[in-house]
Amino acid sequence: QVQLQESGPGLVKPSQTLSLTCTVSGGSITTNYYYWPWIRQPPGKGLEWIGDINYSGSTYYNPSLRSRTSISRDTSKNQFTLQLSSVTPEDTAVYYCARDTGNGYIDYWGQGTQVTVSS
């Protein structure tokens, strides 16, 4: 059973960088051929894919967020991290990490963490 747990600040000031870490247990983030996405859901809106990092460390980003997004990993800790820079109140959302089987199907989700951007 794979488990994912998001961690990070729940409140970020405008113009600062949002940083979240996903800790994975029950499976390695380097196992072929999984992808590890970050996904968010703003209040009253649908899910939005932010980007992901795959089993080999390659990264892929939503074009609309690419200029502000960085996803990295620490294989020794079995963690992957999201950094979103220059945040605005529009970045307020519940942020999820997940596991994608490699064909667009997500089989495991983290519980989600609320991030609010406010001064």
Protein backbone atom coordinates (compact mmCIF):
# COMPACT_ATOMS: atom_id res chain seq x y z
CA GLN A 1 0.00 0.00 0.00
CA VAL A 2 1.51 3.29 -1.14
CA GLN A 3 0.96 6.30 1.06
CA LEU A 4 1.68 9.94 0.24
CA GLN A 5 1.80 12.80 2.71
CA GLU A 6 2.06 16.48 1.84
CA SER A 7 3.80 18.87 4.20
CA GLY A 8 4.58 22.57 4.20
CA PRO A 9 3.31 25.96 5.31
CA GLY A 10 -0.41 26.56 5.19
CA LEU A 11 -0.02 30.31 4.77
CA VAL A 12 2.22 32.07 2.26
CA LYS A 13 2.51 35.79 1.63
CA PRO A 14 2.01 37.22 -1.86
CA SER A 15 5.18 37.33 -3.99
CA GLN A 16 6.83 34.64 -1.89
CA THR A 17 7.60 31.05 -2.88
CA LEU A 18 5.30 28.21 -1.93
CA SER A 19 7.22 25.06 -1.01
CA LEU A 20 5.60 21.69 -0.38
CA THR A 21 7.11 18.27 0.15
CA CYS A 22 5.50 14.92 -0.53
CA THR A 23 6.82 11.99 1.47
CA VAL A 24 6.13 8.61 -0.08
CA SER A 25 6.01 5.31 1.80
CA GLY A 26 5.27 1.80 0.63
CA GLY A 27 6.93 2.32 -2.74
CA SER A 28 9.97 3.98 -4.27
CA ILE A 29 9.73 7.14 -6.38
CA THR A 30 12.38 5.64 -8.66
CA THR A 31 10.34 2.55 -9.55
CA ASN A 32 9.70 2.16 -13.30
CA TYR A 33 7.52 3.70 -14.79
CA TYR A 34 5.64 5.83 -12.32
CA TYR A 35 5.06 9.57 -12.45
CA TRP A 36 4.60 11.71 -9.36
CA PRO A 37 2.36 14.71 -9.95
CA TRP A 38 1.36 17.77 -8.02
CA ILE A 39 -2.27 18.77 -8.47
CA ARG A 40 -4.28 21.56 -6.92
CA GLN A 41 -7.89 22.54 -6.48
CA PRO A 42 -8.73 26.20 -5.91
CA PRO A 43 -11.90 26.92 -3.95
CA GLY A 44 -14.99 26.35 -6.07
CA LYS A 45 -12.95 25.13 -9.05
CA GLY A 46 -11.82 21.89 -10.58
CA LEU A 47 -8.54 20.03 -10.33
CA GLU A 48 -5.50 21.55 -12.02
CA TRP A 49 -2.39 19.60 -12.88
CA ILE A 50 0.71 21.59 -11.89
CA GLY A 51 3.43 19.23 -13.07
CA ASP A 52 5.21 16.03 -12.25
CA ILE A 53 8.51 14.26 -11.91
CA ASN A 54 8.94 10.75 -13.17
CA TYR A 55 10.85 7.65 -12.07
CA SER A 56 14.01 8.82 -13.84
CA GLY A 57 13.85 12.39 -12.55
CA SER A 58 12.47 14.04 -15.67
CA THR A 59 10.05 16.88 -15.03
CA TYR A 60 6.96 18.11 -16.88
CA TYR A 61 5.03 21.28 -16.18
CA ASN A 62 1.67 22.84 -16.94
CA PRO A 63 2.51 25.48 -19.57
CA SER A 64 0.42 28.06 -17.73
CA LEU A 65 2.53 27.62 -14.58
CA ARG A 66 5.85 26.58 -16.06
CA SER A 67 7.65 29.88 -15.51
CA ARG A 68 6.93 29.76 -11.77
CA THR A 69 7.19 26.03 -11.05
CA SER A 70 10.00 23.74 -10.05
CA ILE A 71 9.64 20.10 -9.03
CA SER A 72 12.57 18.16 -7.61
CA ARG A 73 13.19 15.01 -5.63
CA ASP A 74 15.33 13.54 -2.88
CA THR A 75 15.62 9.84 -3.58
CA SER A 76 17.42 9.19 -0.29
CA LYS A 77 14.32 10.38 1.57
CA ASN A 78 11.81 9.13 -1.01
CA GLN A 79 10.39 12.63 -1.30
CA PHE A 80 9.52 15.03 -4.07
CA THR A 81 9.06 18.75 -3.71
CA LEU A 82 7.05 21.52 -5.33
CA GLN A 83 8.19 25.12 -5.46
CA LEU A 84 5.85 27.76 -6.88
CA SER A 85 7.29 31.24 -6.98
CA SER A 86 5.74 34.71 -7.03
CA VAL A 87 2.47 33.47 -5.59
CA THR A 88 -0.73 35.50 -5.61
CA PRO A 89 -4.08 34.92 -3.90
CA GLU A 90 -5.11 33.01 -7.04
CA ASP A 91 -2.69 30.29 -5.98
CA THR A 92 -4.79 29.59 -2.90
CA ALA A 93 -5.87 25.97 -3.17
CA VAL A 94 -5.75 22.51 -1.73
CA TYR A 95 -2.53 20.97 -3.02
CA TYR A 96 -2.25 17.24 -3.61
CA CYS A 97 0.61 14.94 -4.44
CA ALA A 98 -0.18 11.67 -6.13
CA ARG A 99 1.12 8.69 -8.06
CA ASP A 100 0.39 8.30 -11.76
CA THR A 101 0.84 4.83 -13.24
CA GLY A 102 2.42 6.36 -16.31
CA ASN A 103 -0.63 6.40 -18.55
CA GLY A 104 -2.57 9.18 -16.91
CA TYR A 105 -4.25 7.06 -14.29
CA ILE A 106 -3.75 8.14 -10.68
CA ASP A 107 -3.90 5.23 -8.31
CA TYR A 108 -2.82 6.92 -5.08
CA TRP A 109 -3.44 10.39 -3.66
CA GLY A 110 -2.15 12.27 -0.67
CA GLN A 111 -4.77 13.66 1.67
CA GLY A 112 -4.16 17.19 0.41
CA THR A 113 -2.97 20.30 2.19
CA GLN A 114 -4.61 23.72 2.22
CA VAL A 115 -2.35 26.58 1.16
CA THR A 116 -3.64 30.12 1.51
CA VAL A 117 -1.87 33.07 -0.07
CA SER A 118 -2.57 36.17 1.97
CA SER A 119 -0.76 39.04 3.57
